[in-house]
Amino acid sequence: MTDEGIQIDLEPGEGAIVFGEDGIKLFAPTILEDMPFEVRDTMEFVTFALLKTDWIIEYYEHLSTADALLDLMGNKHTEPPQLRLIKGGLYGESDKEEDENES
């Protein structure tokens, strides 16, 4: 299938979604019965999602929140966390005796 310089070779029953600088293009067989339900359903869902303004707003809010959190953290987000062992739970008497003998 070809559209304005884009050539997509689809096998029977396939569809394609192309994201580019000039927008989004959907490619599907001309006869919808030739496309499996799963492929058609997925393409319809992606189209639906791209038109949901509230989803787009929520996504950009998520990005803004993530960026704000990284800014608050500064460069520390690249440093590995400092971990220490807190003994408890199944740490029993035999373990305590071993630690005392090592000291």
PDB file of N, CA and C in Angstrom:
ATOM      1  N   MET A   1       0.845  -1.177   0.000  1.00  0.00           N
ATOM      2  CA  MET A   1       0.000   0.000   0.000  1.00  0.00           C
ATOM      3  C   MET A   1       0.887   1.236   0.000  1.00  0.00           C
ATOM      4  N   THR A   2       0.497   2.239  -0.720  1.00  0.00           N
ATOM      5  CA  THR A   2       1.311   3.438  -0.842  1.00  0.00           C
ATOM      6  C   THR A   2       0.465   4.669  -0.542  1.00  0.00           C
ATOM      7  N   ASP A   3       1.074   5.635   0.167  1.00  0.00           N
ATOM      8  CA  ASP A   3       0.390   6.885   0.467  1.00  0.00           C
ATOM      9  C   ASP A   3       1.437   7.976   0.576  1.00  0.00           C
ATOM     10  N   GLU A   4       1.489   8.884  -0.383  1.00  0.00           N
ATOM     11  CA  GLU A   4       2.390  10.033  -0.364  1.00  0.00           C
ATOM     12  C   GLU A   4       3.840   9.638  -0.087  1.00  0.00           C
ATOM     13  N   GLY A   5       4.366   8.726  -0.863  1.00  0.00           N
ATOM     14  CA  GLY A   5       5.765   8.358  -0.719  1.00  0.00           C
ATOM     15  C   GLY A   5       6.050   7.279   0.302  1.00  0.00           C
ATOM     16  N   ILE A   6       5.064   6.872   1.060  1.00  0.00           N
ATOM     17  CA  ILE A   6       5.250   5.806   2.037  1.00  0.00           C
ATOM     18  C   ILE A   6       4.833   4.505   1.377  1.00  0.00           C
ATOM     19  N   GLN A   7       5.706   3.512   1.435  1.00  0.00           N
ATOM     20  CA  GLN A   7       5.329   2.213   0.892  1.00  0.00           C
ATOM     21  C   GLN A   7       5.316   1.210   2.035  1.00  0.00           C
ATOM     22  N   ILE A   8       4.191   0.585   2.226  1.00  0.00           N
ATOM     23  CA  ILE A   8       4.005  -0.419   3.269  1.00  0.00           C
ATOM     24  C   ILE A   8       3.624  -1.719   2.582  1.00  0.00           C
ATOM     25  N   ASP A   9       4.394  -2.752   2.808  1.00  0.00           N
ATOM     26  CA  ASP A   9       4.059  -4.069   2.271  1.00  0.00           C
ATOM     27  C   ASP A   9       3.377  -4.869   3.372  1.00  0.00           C
ATOM     28  N   LEU A  10       2.077  -5.062   3.210  1.00  0.00           N
ATOM     29  CA  LEU A  10       1.307  -5.799   4.207  1.00  0.00           C
ATOM     30  C   LEU A  10       0.978  -7.187   3.691  1.00  0.00           C
ATOM     31  N   GLU A  11       1.110  -8.138   4.582  1.00  0.00           N
ATOM     32  CA  GLU A  11       0.675  -9.493   4.280  1.00  0.00           C
ATOM     33  C   GLU A  11      -0.843  -9.533   4.446  1.00  0.00           C
ATOM     34  N   PRO A  12      -1.511 -10.528   3.878  1.00  0.00           N
ATOM     35  CA  PRO A  12      -2.959 -10.631   4.084  1.00  0.00           C
ATOM     36  C   PRO A  12      -3.296 -10.685   5.582  1.00  0.00           C
ATOM     37  N   GLY A  13      -4.280  -9.892   5.955  1.00  0.00           N
ATOM     38  CA  GLY A  13      -4.716  -9.861   7.359  1.00  0.00           C
ATOM     39  C   GLY A  13      -3.928  -8.921   8.248  1.00  0.00           C
ATOM     40  N   GLU A  14      -3.034  -8.110   7.685  1.00  0.00           N
ATOM     41  CA  GLU A  14      -2.239  -7.185   8.475  1.00  0.00           C
ATOM     42  C   GLU A  14      -2.716  -5.752   8.278  1.00  0.00           C
ATOM     43  N   GLY A  15      -2.403  -4.918   9.256  1.00  0.00           N
ATOM     44  CA  GLY A  15      -2.646  -3.489   9.182  1.00  0.00           C
ATOM     45  C   GLY A  15      -1.406  -2.793   9.701  1.00  0.00           C
ATOM     46  N   ALA A  16      -1.317  -1.487   9.511  1.00  0.00           N
ATOM     47  CA  ALA A  16      -0.147  -0.743   9.982  1.00  0.00           C
ATOM     48  C   ALA A  16      -0.564   0.646  10.432  1.00  0.00           C
ATOM     49  N   ILE A  17       0.136   1.128  11.462  1.00  0.00           N
ATOM     50  CA  ILE A  17      -0.029   2.496  11.941  1.00  0.00           C
ATOM     51  C   ILE A  17       1.341   3.138  11.822  1.00  0.00           C
ATOM     52  N   VAL A  18       1.425   4.237  11.081  1.00  0.00           N
ATOM     53  CA  VAL A  18       2.699   4.915  10.847  1.00  0.00           C
ATOM     54  C   VAL A  18       2.650   6.275  11.528  1.00  0.00           C
ATOM     55  N   PHE A  19       3.602   6.515  12.427  1.00  0.00           N
ATOM     56  CA  PHE A  19       3.723   7.791  13.114  1.00  0.00           C
ATOM     57  C   PHE A  19       4.833   8.574  12.430  1.00  0.00           C
ATOM     58  N   GLY A  20       4.544   9.795  12.027  1.00  0.00           N
ATOM     59  CA  GLY A  20       5.547  10.614  11.358  1.00  0.00           C
ATOM     60  C   GLY A  20       5.388  12.074  11.723  1.00  0.00           C
ATOM     61  N   GLU A  21       6.284  12.886  11.174  1.00  0.00           N
ATOM     62  CA  GLU A  21       6.252  14.319  11.451  1.00  0.00           C
ATOM     63  C   GLU A  21       4.955  14.965  10.976  1.00  0.00           C
ATOM     64  N   ASP A  22       4.376  14.389   9.934  1.00  0.00           N
ATOM     65  CA  ASP A  22       3.161  14.979   9.380  1.00  0.00           C
ATOM     66  C   ASP A  22       1.889  14.337   9.929  1.00  0.00           C
ATOM     67  N   GLY A  23       2.012  13.558  10.981  1.00  0.00           N
ATOM     68  CA  GLY A  23       0.833  12.981  11.621  1.00  0.00           C
ATOM     69  C   GLY A  23       0.855  11.465  11.639  1.00  0.00           C
ATOM     70  N   ILE A  24      -0.315  10.898  11.779  1.00  0.00           N
ATOM     71  CA  ILE A  24      -0.480   9.457  11.902  1.00  0.00           C
ATOM     72  C   ILE A  24      -1.270   8.956  10.709  1.00  0.00           C
ATOM     73  N   LYS A  25      -0.798   7.868  10.133  1.00  0.00           N
ATOM     74  CA  LYS A  25      -1.498   7.277   8.998  1.00  0.00           C
ATOM     75  C   LYS A  25      -1.814   5.823   9.327  1.00  0.00           C
ATOM     76  N   LEU A  26      -3.043   5.429   9.019  1.00  0.00           N
ATOM     77  CA  LEU A  26      -3.476   4.053   9.210  1.00  0.00           C
ATOM     78  C   LEU A  26      -3.545   3.364   7.852  1.00  0.00           C
ATOM     79  N   PHE A  27      -3.006   2.176   7.782  1.00  0.00           N
ATOM     80  CA  PHE A  27      -3.057   1.382   6.569  1.00  0.00           C
ATOM     81  C   PHE A  27      -3.758   0.077   6.895  1.00  0.00           C
ATOM     82  N   ALA A  28      -4.781  -0.238   6.136  1.00  0.00           N
ATOM     83  CA  ALA A  28      -5.550  -1.459   6.352  1.00  0.00           C
ATOM     84  C   ALA A  28      -6.002  -1.987   4.996  1.00  0.00           C
ATOM     85  N   PRO A  29      -6.316  -3.271   4.926  1.00  0.00           N
ATOM     86  CA  PRO A  29      -6.854  -3.795   3.669  1.00  0.00           C
ATOM     87  C   PRO A  29      -8.117  -3.041   3.273  1.00  0.00           C
ATOM     88  N   THR A  30      -8.343  -2.899   1.985  1.00  0.00           N
ATOM     89  CA  THR A  30      -9.524  -2.177   1.526  1.00  0.00           C
ATOM     90  C   THR A  30     -10.803  -2.931   1.867  1.00  0.00           C
ATOM     91  N   ILE A  31     -10.710  -4.240   1.999  1.00  0.00           N
ATOM     92  CA  ILE A  31     -11.872  -5.048   2.397  1.00  0.00           C
ATOM     93  C   ILE A  31     -11.676  -5.447   3.856  1.00  0.00           C
ATOM     94  N   LEU A  32     -12.474  -4.867   4.756  1.00  0.00           N
ATOM     95  CA  LEU A  32     -12.297  -5.110   6.179  1.00  0.00           C
ATOM     96  C   LEU A  32     -12.450  -6.579   6.562  1.00  0.00           C
ATOM     97  N   GLU A  33     -13.197  -7.340   5.790  1.00  0.00           N
ATOM     98  CA  GLU A  33     -13.359  -8.754   6.101  1.00  0.00           C
ATOM     99  C   GLU A  33     -12.042  -9.517   5.949  1.00  0.00           C
ATOM    100  N   ASP A  34     -11.095  -8.935   5.207  1.00  0.00           N
ATOM    101  CA  ASP A  34      -9.788  -9.570   5.025  1.00  0.00           C
ATOM    102  C   ASP A  34      -8.882  -9.394   6.236  1.00  0.00           C
ATOM    103  N   MET A  35      -9.272  -8.545   7.189  1.00  0.00           N
ATOM    104  CA  MET A  35      -8.458  -8.283   8.361  1.00  0.00           C
ATOM    105  C   MET A  35      -9.023  -9.040   9.568  1.00  0.00           C
ATOM    106  N   PRO A  36      -8.167  -9.773  10.299  1.00  0.00           N
ATOM    107  CA  PRO A  36      -8.650 -10.463  11.492  1.00  0.00           C
ATOM    108  C   PRO A  36      -9.223  -9.482  12.507  1.00  0.00           C
ATOM    109  N   PHE A  37     -10.152  -9.959  13.298  1.00  0.00           N
ATOM    110  CA  PHE A  37     -10.809  -9.126  14.307  1.00  0.00           C
ATOM    111  C   PHE A  37      -9.791  -8.469  15.235  1.00  0.00           C
ATOM    112  N   GLU A  38      -8.774  -9.220  15.680  1.00  0.00           N
ATOM    113  CA  GLU A  38      -7.797  -8.699  16.633  1.00  0.00           C
ATOM    114  C   GLU A  38      -7.046  -7.499  16.062  1.00  0.00           C
ATOM    115  N   VAL A  39      -6.677  -7.583  14.783  1.00  0.00           N
ATOM    116  CA  VAL A  39      -5.954  -6.475  14.139  1.00  0.00           C
ATOM    117  C   VAL A  39      -6.868  -5.262  14.006  1.00  0.00           C
ATOM    118  N   ARG A  40      -8.073  -5.477  13.534  1.00  0.00           N
ATOM    119  CA  ARG A  40      -9.031  -4.375  13.371  1.00  0.00           C
ATOM    120  C   ARG A  40      -9.348  -3.749  14.727  1.00  0.00           C
ATOM    121  N   ASP A  41      -9.564  -4.584  15.739  1.00  0.00           N
ATOM    122  CA  ASP A  41      -9.885  -4.097  17.076  1.00  0.00           C
ATOM    123  C   ASP A  41      -8.737  -3.257  17.639  1.00  0.00           C
ATOM    124  N   THR A  42      -7.502  -3.703  17.450  1.00  0.00           N
ATOM    125  CA  THR A  42      -6.340  -2.963  17.944  1.00  0.00           C
ATOM    126  C   THR A  42      -6.208  -1.617  17.242  1.00  0.00           C
ATOM    127  N   MET A  43      -6.395  -1.607  15.933  1.00  0.00           N
ATOM    128  CA  MET A  43      -6.303  -0.344  15.193  1.00  0.00           C
ATOM    129  C   MET A  43      -7.420   0.616  15.610  1.00  0.00           C
ATOM    130  N   GLU A  44      -8.600   0.100  15.839  1.00  0.00           N
ATOM    131  CA  GLU A  44      -9.709   0.949  16.292  1.00  0.00           C
ATOM    132  C   GLU A  44      -9.431   1.499  17.683  1.00  0.00           C
ATOM    133  N   PHE A  45      -8.838   0.679  18.573  1.00  0.00           N
ATOM    134  CA  PHE A  45      -8.525   1.146  19.922  1.00  0.00           C
ATOM    135  C   PHE A  45      -7.476   2.254  19.883  1.00  0.00           C
ATOM    136  N   VAL A  46      -6.424   2.073  19.089  1.00  0.00           N
ATOM    137  CA  VAL A  46      -5.389   3.103  18.989  1.00  0.00           C
ATOM    138  C   VAL A  46      -5.983   4.397  18.435  1.00  0.00           C
ATOM    139  N   THR A  47      -6.832   4.288  17.443  1.00  0.00           N
ATOM    140  CA  THR A  47      -7.501   5.470  16.894  1.00  0.00           C
ATOM    141  C   THR A  47      -8.349   6.146  17.971  1.00  0.00           C
ATOM    142  N   PHE A  48      -9.096   5.366  18.719  1.00  0.00           N
ATOM    143  CA  PHE A  48      -9.922   5.884  19.811  1.00  0.00           C
ATOM    144  C   PHE A  48      -9.046   6.594  20.844  1.00  0.00           C
ATOM    145  N   ALA A  49      -7.933   5.954  21.222  1.00  0.00           N
ATOM    146  CA  ALA A  49      -7.047   6.528  22.239  1.00  0.00           C
ATOM    147  C   ALA A  49      -6.446   7.850  21.773  1.00  0.00           C
ATOM    148  N   LEU A  50      -6.117   7.937  20.497  1.00  0.00           N
ATOM    149  CA  LEU A  50      -5.522   9.163  19.972  1.00  0.00           C
ATOM    150  C   LEU A  50      -6.520  10.322  19.933  1.00  0.00           C
ATOM    151  N   LEU A  51      -7.798  10.012  19.970  1.00  0.00           N
ATOM    152  CA  LEU A  51      -8.830  11.052  19.935  1.00  0.00           C
ATOM    153  C   LEU A  51      -9.341  11.428  21.323  1.00  0.00           C
ATOM    154  N   LYS A  52      -8.940  10.683  22.357  1.00  0.00           N
ATOM    155  CA  LYS A  52      -9.418  10.939  23.718  1.00  0.00           C
ATOM    156  C   LYS A  52      -8.633  12.095  24.335  1.00  0.00           C
ATOM    157  N   THR A  53      -9.210  13.266  24.326  1.00  0.00           N
ATOM    158  CA  THR A  53      -8.543  14.458  24.844  1.00  0.00           C
ATOM    159  C   THR A  53      -8.183  14.295  26.313  1.00  0.00           C
ATOM    160  N   ASP A  54      -9.082  13.711  27.111  1.00  0.00           N
ATOM    161  CA  ASP A  54      -8.779  13.562  28.535  1.00  0.00           C
ATOM    162  C   ASP A  54      -7.609  12.610  28.759  1.00  0.00           C
ATOM    163  N   TRP A  55      -7.436  11.597  27.918  1.00  0.00           N
ATOM    164  CA  TRP A  55      -6.280  10.707  28.034  1.00  0.00           C
ATOM    165  C   TRP A  55      -5.002  11.449  27.679  1.00  0.00           C
ATOM    166  N   ILE A  56      -5.072  12.288  26.658  1.00  0.00           N
ATOM    167  CA  ILE A  56      -3.896  13.058  26.243  1.00  0.00           C
ATOM    168  C   ILE A  56      -3.490  14.017  27.357  1.00  0.00           C
ATOM    169  N   ILE A  57      -4.452  14.689  27.944  1.00  0.00           N
ATOM    170  CA  ILE A  57      -4.171  15.615  29.051  1.00  0.00           C
ATOM    171  C   ILE A  57      -3.570  14.857  30.222  1.00  0.00           C
ATOM    172  N   GLU A  58      -4.142  13.716  30.563  1.00  0.00           N
ATOM    173  CA  GLU A  58      -3.629  12.908  31.675  1.00  0.00           C
ATOM    174  C   GLU A  58      -2.189  12.462  31.405  1.00  0.00           C
ATOM    175  N   TYR A  59      -1.897  12.087  30.173  1.00  0.00           N
ATOM    176  CA  TYR A  59      -0.546  11.664  29.821  1.00  0.00           C
ATOM    177  C   TYR A  59       0.447  12.814  30.000  1.00  0.00           C
ATOM    178  N   TYR A  60       0.088  14.000  29.514  1.00  0.00           N
ATOM    179  CA  TYR A  60       0.998  15.133  29.660  1.00  0.00           C
ATOM    180  C   TYR A  60       1.138  15.559  31.115  1.00  0.00           C
ATOM    181  N   GLU A  61       0.091  15.416  31.907  1.00  0.00           N
ATOM    182  CA  GLU A  61       0.202  15.685  33.344  1.00  0.00           C
ATOM    183  C   GLU A  61       1.169  14.698  33.982  1.00  0.00           C
ATOM    184  N   HIS A  62       1.093  13.435  33.561  1.00  0.00           N
ATOM    185  CA  HIS A  62       2.010  12.410  34.067  1.00  0.00           C
ATOM    186  C   HIS A  62       3.458  12.784  33.728  1.00  0.00           C
ATOM    187  N   LEU A  63       3.692  13.205  32.482  1.00  0.00           N
ATOM    188  CA  LEU A  63       5.047  13.603  32.082  1.00  0.00           C
ATOM    189  C   LEU A  63       5.525  14.795  32.903  1.00  0.00           C
ATOM    190  N   SER A  64       4.643  15.768  33.111  1.00  0.00           N
ATOM    191  CA  SER A  64       5.017  16.955  33.882  1.00  0.00           C
ATOM    192  C   SER A  64       5.359  16.580  35.314  1.00  0.00           C
ATOM    193  N   THR A  65       4.577  15.689  35.901  1.00  0.00           N
ATOM    194  CA  THR A  65       4.829  15.245  37.275  1.00  0.00           C
ATOM    195  C   THR A  65       6.158  14.522  37.355  1.00  0.00           C
ATOM    196  N   ALA A  66       6.420  13.631  36.411  1.00  0.00           N
ATOM    197  CA  ALA A  66       7.685  12.889  36.414  1.00  0.00           C
ATOM    198  C   ALA A  66       8.864  13.851  36.269  1.00  0.00           C
ATOM    199  N   ASP A  67       8.753  14.828  35.379  1.00  0.00           N
ATOM    200  CA  ASP A  67       9.827  15.812  35.201  1.00  0.00           C
ATOM    201  C   ASP A  67      10.032  16.637  36.467  1.00  0.00           C
ATOM    202  N   ALA A  68       8.934  17.026  37.101  1.00  0.00           N
ATOM    203  CA  ALA A  68       9.030  17.820  38.327  1.00  0.00           C
ATOM    204  C   ALA A  68       9.721  17.017  39.430  1.00  0.00           C
ATOM    205  N   LEU A  69       9.381  15.744  39.552  1.00  0.00           N
ATOM    206  CA  LEU A  69      10.024  14.908  40.566  1.00  0.00           C
ATOM    207  C   LEU A  69      11.520  14.756  40.299  1.00  0.00           C
ATOM    208  N   LEU A  70      11.887  14.580  39.042  1.00  0.00           N
ATOM    209  CA  LEU A  70      13.312  14.484  38.710  1.00  0.00           C
ATOM    210  C   LEU A  70      14.034  15.789  39.018  1.00  0.00           C
ATOM    211  N   ASP A  71      13.386  16.930  38.758  1.00  0.00           N
ATOM    212  CA  ASP A  71      13.993  18.220  39.083  1.00  0.00           C
ATOM    213  C   ASP A  71      14.204  18.363  40.581  1.00  0.00           C
ATOM    214  N   LEU A  72      13.223  17.936  41.372  1.00  0.00           N
ATOM    215  CA  LEU A  72      13.345  18.015  42.826  1.00  0.00           C
ATOM    216  C   LEU A  72      14.471  17.125  43.339  1.00  0.00           C
ATOM    217  N   MET A  73      14.660  15.989  42.682  1.00  0.00           N
ATOM    218  CA  MET A  73      15.698  15.055  43.112  1.00  0.00           C
ATOM    219  C   MET A  73      17.086  15.542  42.715  1.00  0.00           C
ATOM    220  N   GLY A  74      17.173  16.417  41.755  1.00  0.00           N
ATOM    221  CA  GLY A  74      18.468  16.879  41.280  1.00  0.00           C
ATOM    222  C   GLY A  74      19.220  15.746  40.606  1.00  0.00           C
ATOM    223  N   ASN A  75      20.523  15.718  40.770  1.00  0.00           N
ATOM    224  CA  ASN A  75      21.333  14.680  40.153  1.00  0.00           C
ATOM    225  C   ASN A  75      21.373  13.403  40.983  1.00  0.00           C
ATOM    226  N   LYS A  76      20.768  13.408  42.137  1.00  0.00           N
ATOM    227  CA  LYS A  76      20.826  12.250  43.010  1.00  0.00           C
ATOM    228  C   LYS A  76      20.148  11.022  42.409  1.00  0.00           C
ATOM    229  N   HIS A  77      19.260  11.221  41.427  1.00  0.00           N
ATOM    230  CA  HIS A  77      18.568  10.069  40.847  1.00  0.00           C
ATOM    231  C   HIS A  77      19.514   9.157  40.082  1.00  0.00           C
ATOM    232  N   THR A  78      20.736   9.630  39.776  1.00  0.00           N
ATOM    233  CA  THR A  78      21.695   8.789  39.074  1.00  0.00           C
ATOM    234  C   THR A  78      22.584   8.012  40.047  1.00  0.00           C
ATOM    235  N   GLU A  79      22.592   8.386  41.327  1.00  0.00           N
ATOM    236  CA  GLU A  79      23.400   7.698  42.318  1.00  0.00           C
ATOM    237  C   GLU A  79      22.662   6.461  42.814  1.00  0.00           C
ATOM    238  N   PRO A  80      23.395   5.368  43.041  1.00  0.00           N
ATOM    239  CA  PRO A  80      22.714   4.186  43.567  1.00  0.00           C
ATOM    240  C   PRO A  80      22.259   4.429  45.011  1.00  0.00           C
ATOM    241  N   PRO A  81      21.185   3.798  45.421  1.00  0.00           N
ATOM    242  CA  PRO A  81      20.709   4.001  46.784  1.00  0.00           C
ATOM    243  C   PRO A  81      21.685   3.399  47.793  1.00  0.00           C
ATOM    244  N   GLN A  82      21.772   4.010  48.944  1.00  0.00           N
ATOM    245  CA  GLN A  82      22.597   3.491  50.033  1.00  0.00           C
ATOM    246  C   GLN A  82      21.721   2.559  50.873  1.00  0.00           C
ATOM    247  N   LEU A  83      22.053   1.286  50.867  1.00  0.00           N
ATOM    248  CA  LEU A  83      21.253   0.294  51.567  1.00  0.00           C
ATOM    249  C   LEU A  83      22.015  -0.231  52.779  1.00  0.00           C
ATOM    250  N   ARG A  84      21.274  -0.582  53.823  1.00  0.00           N
ATOM    251  CA  ARG A  84      21.899  -1.223  54.980  1.00  0.00           C
ATOM    252  C   ARG A  84      20.977  -2.327  55.458  1.00  0.00           C
ATOM    253  N   LEU A  85      21.572  -3.357  56.051  1.00  0.00           N
ATOM    254  CA  LEU A  85      20.815  -4.502  56.515  1.00  0.00           C
ATOM    255  C   LEU A  85      20.217  -4.202  57.874  1.00  0.00           C
ATOM    256  N   ILE A  86      18.933  -4.380  58.009  1.00  0.00           N
ATOM    257  CA  ILE A  86      18.252  -4.260  59.292  1.00  0.00           C
ATOM    258  C   ILE A  86      17.893  -5.675  59.706  1.00  0.00           C
ATOM    259  N   LYS A  87      18.550  -6.148  60.745  1.00  0.00           N
ATOM    260  CA  LYS A  87      18.346  -7.527  61.165  1.00  0.00           C
ATOM    261  C   LYS A  87      17.020  -7.649  61.906  1.00  0.00           C
ATOM    262  N   GLY A  88      16.270  -8.658  61.554  1.00  0.00           N
ATOM    263  CA  GLY A  88      14.975  -8.888  62.173  1.00  0.00           C
ATOM    264  C   GLY A  88      14.284 -10.026  61.471  1.00  0.00           C
ATOM    265  N   GLY A  89      13.052 -10.215  61.758  1.00  0.00           N
ATOM    266  CA  GLY A  89      12.304 -11.275  61.088  1.00  0.00           C
ATOM    267  C   GLY A  89      12.822 -12.637  61.467  1.00  0.00           C
ATOM    268  N   LEU A  90      13.427 -13.355  60.519  1.00  0.00           N
ATOM    269  CA  LEU A  90      13.918 -14.706  60.757  1.00  0.00           C
ATOM    270  C   LEU A  90      15.328 -14.720  61.328  1.00  0.00           C
ATOM    271  N   TYR A  91      15.872 -13.579  61.646  1.00  0.00           N
ATOM    272  CA  TYR A  91      17.200 -13.493  62.240  1.00  0.00           C
ATOM    273  C   TYR A  91      17.098 -14.073  63.638  1.00  0.00           C
ATOM    274  N   GLY A  92      17.649 -15.255  63.827  1.00  0.00           N
ATOM    275  CA  GLY A  92      17.457 -15.973  65.092  1.00  0.00           C
ATOM    276  C   GLY A  92      18.667 -15.936  65.997  1.00  0.00           C
ATOM    277  N   GLU A  93      18.578 -16.671  67.119  1.00  0.00           N
ATOM    278  CA  GLU A  93      19.632 -16.716  68.124  1.00  0.00           C
ATOM    279  C   GLU A  93      20.934 -17.275  67.556  1.00  0.00           C
ATOM    280  N   SER A  94      20.847 -18.309  66.697  1.00  0.00           N
ATOM    281  CA  SER A  94      22.074 -18.885  66.137  1.00  0.00           C
ATOM    282  C   SER A  94      22.812 -17.862  65.286  1.00  0.00           C
ATOM    283  N   ASP A  95      22.089 -17.007  64.590  1.00  0.00           N
ATOM    284  CA  ASP A  95      22.718 -15.957  63.798  1.00  0.00           C
ATOM    285  C   ASP A  95      23.395 -14.929  64.699  1.00  0.00           C
ATOM    286  N   LYS A  96      22.773 -14.603  65.831  1.00  0.00           N
ATOM    287  CA  LYS A  96      23.347 -13.637  66.766  1.00  0.00           C
ATOM    288  C   LYS A  96      24.651 -14.173  67.346  1.00  0.00           C
ATOM    289  N   GLU A  97      24.681 -15.478  67.685  1.00  0.00           N
ATOM    290  CA  GLU A  97      25.896 -16.079  68.234  1.00  0.00           C
ATOM    291  C   GLU A  97      27.025 -16.050  67.223  1.00  0.00           C
ATOM    292  N   GLU A  98      26.717 -16.297  65.945  1.00  0.00           N
ATOM    293  CA  GLU A  98      27.740 -16.242  64.906  1.00  0.00           C
ATOM    294  C   GLU A  98      28.312 -14.853  64.785  1.00  0.00           C
ATOM    295  N   ASP A  99      27.448 -13.822  64.860  1.00  0.00           N
ATOM    296  CA  ASP A  99      27.906 -12.453  64.774  1.00  0.00           C
ATOM    297  C   ASP A  99      28.825 -12.101  65.957  1.00  0.00           C
ATOM    298  N   GLU A 100      28.473 -12.571  67.162  1.00  0.00           N
ATOM    299  CA  GLU A 100      29.288 -12.293  68.354  1.00  0.00           C
ATOM    300  C   GLU A 100      30.627 -12.985  68.244  1.00  0.00           C
ATOM    301  N   ASN A 101      30.675 -14.209  67.690  1.00  0.00           N
ATOM    302  CA  ASN A 101      31.930 -14.937  67.547  1.00  0.00           C
ATOM    303  C   ASN A 101      32.831 -14.284  66.508  1.00  0.00           C
ATOM    304  N   GLU A 102      32.253 -13.638  65.505  1.00  0.00           N
ATOM    305  CA  GLU A 102      33.045 -12.951  64.484  1.00  0.00           C
ATOM    306  C   GLU A 102      33.671 -11.678  65.007  1.00  0.00           C
ATOM    307  N   SER A 103      33.089 -11.074  66.045  1.00  0.00           N
ATOM    308  CA  SER A 103      33.588  -9.795  66.578  1.00  0.00           C
ATOM    309  C   SER A 103      34.822  -9.955  67.397  1.00  0.00           C
TER     310      SER A 103
END
